[in-house]
Amino acid sequence: MEPNKWRQLTVLIKRQRVIARNRWVTDEEYVRETGDASAKVGDRIPLTPDEVRAAMDLAQRLAAHLARELREKRCHLAQP
């Protein structure tokens, strides 16, 4: 997976944590770990339909990448 896509996915995962645990309110951990200059502690985190679609696309790419890696490793392990 490309580094910029990996970075996008990690930020989206951190946003999901804020949404699930903090009721959409950013905390110090989110601001520090994402480097999001527009985020302030205590602000509500925005989430658009396009961002949700992007997260789904990135998750599918990651799953496909992991599946390829596992297939390749299995092939290498099965060879004498």
Protein backbone atom coordinates (compact mmCIF):
# COMPACT_ATOMS: atom_id res chain seq x y z
CA MET A 1 0.00 0.00 0.00
CA GLU A 2 1.34 3.44 -0.91
CA PRO A 3 2.61 5.52 2.04
CA ASN A 4 0.13 8.35 1.45
CA LYS A 5 -2.78 5.88 1.38
CA TRP A 6 -1.50 4.24 4.57
CA ARG A 7 -1.35 7.68 6.23
CA GLN A 8 -4.93 8.43 5.14
CA LEU A 9 -6.11 5.13 6.56
CA THR A 10 -4.40 5.67 9.92
CA VAL A 11 -5.96 9.15 10.22
CA LEU A 12 -9.38 7.72 9.39
CA ILE A 13 -8.93 5.03 12.05
CA LYS A 14 -8.03 7.71 14.59
CA ARG A 15 -11.13 9.68 13.55
CA GLN A 16 -13.24 6.58 14.07
CA ARG A 17 -11.86 6.30 17.62
CA VAL A 18 -12.82 9.90 18.33
CA ILE A 19 -16.30 9.33 16.94
CA ALA A 20 -16.85 6.10 18.87
CA ARG A 21 -15.26 6.96 22.20
CA ASN A 22 -15.42 10.73 22.45
CA ARG A 23 -18.80 11.35 20.86
CA TRP A 24 -17.24 13.21 17.90
CA VAL A 25 -15.14 15.52 20.14
CA THR A 26 -11.41 15.77 19.42
CA ASP A 27 -8.93 15.20 22.21
CA GLU A 28 -5.21 15.85 22.70
CA GLU A 29 -4.30 12.38 21.45
CA TYR A 30 -6.11 12.89 18.15
CA VAL A 31 -4.59 16.33 17.55
CA ARG A 32 -1.09 15.08 18.43
CA GLU A 33 -1.20 11.82 16.48
CA THR A 34 -2.82 13.11 13.29
CA GLY A 35 -0.99 16.41 13.01
CA ASP A 36 -4.31 17.91 11.86
CA ALA A 37 -3.59 21.65 12.07
CA SER A 38 -7.28 22.49 11.79
CA ALA A 39 -8.27 20.30 14.76
CA LYS A 40 -8.52 21.86 18.18
CA VAL A 41 -9.08 19.93 21.40
CA GLY A 42 -12.78 19.97 22.21
CA ASP A 43 -13.95 20.61 18.64
CA ARG A 44 -16.44 18.29 16.98
CA ILE A 45 -14.79 16.27 14.25
CA PRO A 46 -16.31 16.71 10.80
CA LEU A 47 -17.04 13.68 8.63
CA THR A 48 -18.41 13.91 5.11
CA PRO A 49 -19.94 11.19 2.94
CA ASP A 50 -16.88 11.46 0.67
CA GLU A 51 -14.62 10.70 3.64
CA VAL A 52 -16.71 7.65 4.51
CA ARG A 53 -16.45 6.41 0.93
CA ALA A 54 -12.69 7.06 0.96
CA ALA A 55 -12.35 5.07 4.19
CA MET A 56 -14.24 2.16 2.66
CA ASP A 57 -12.05 2.28 -0.46
CA LEU A 58 -8.87 2.36 1.62
CA ALA A 59 -10.06 -0.54 3.78
CA GLN A 60 -10.78 -2.58 0.64
CA ARG A 61 -7.32 -1.75 -0.76
CA LEU A 62 -5.70 -2.81 2.50
CA ALA A 63 -7.63 -6.08 2.55
CA ALA A 64 -6.62 -6.81 -1.05
CA HIS A 65 -2.99 -5.98 -0.27
CA LEU A 66 -2.97 -8.26 2.76
CA ALA A 67 -4.62 -11.07 0.79
CA ARG A 68 -1.91 -10.79 -1.91
CA GLU A 69 0.84 -10.82 0.70
CA LEU A 70 -0.61 -13.92 2.37
CA ARG A 71 -0.95 -15.75 -0.96
CA GLU A 72 2.68 -14.92 -1.82
CA LYS A 73 3.93 -16.07 1.57
CA ARG A 74 1.98 -19.31 1.31
CA CYS A 75 3.49 -19.97 -2.12
CA HIS A 76 6.99 -19.37 -0.75
CA LEU A 77 6.37 -21.62 2.24
CA ALA A 78 4.95 -24.43 0.09
CA GLN A 79 8.02 -24.56 -2.17
CA PRO A 80 10.64 -27.20 -1.29
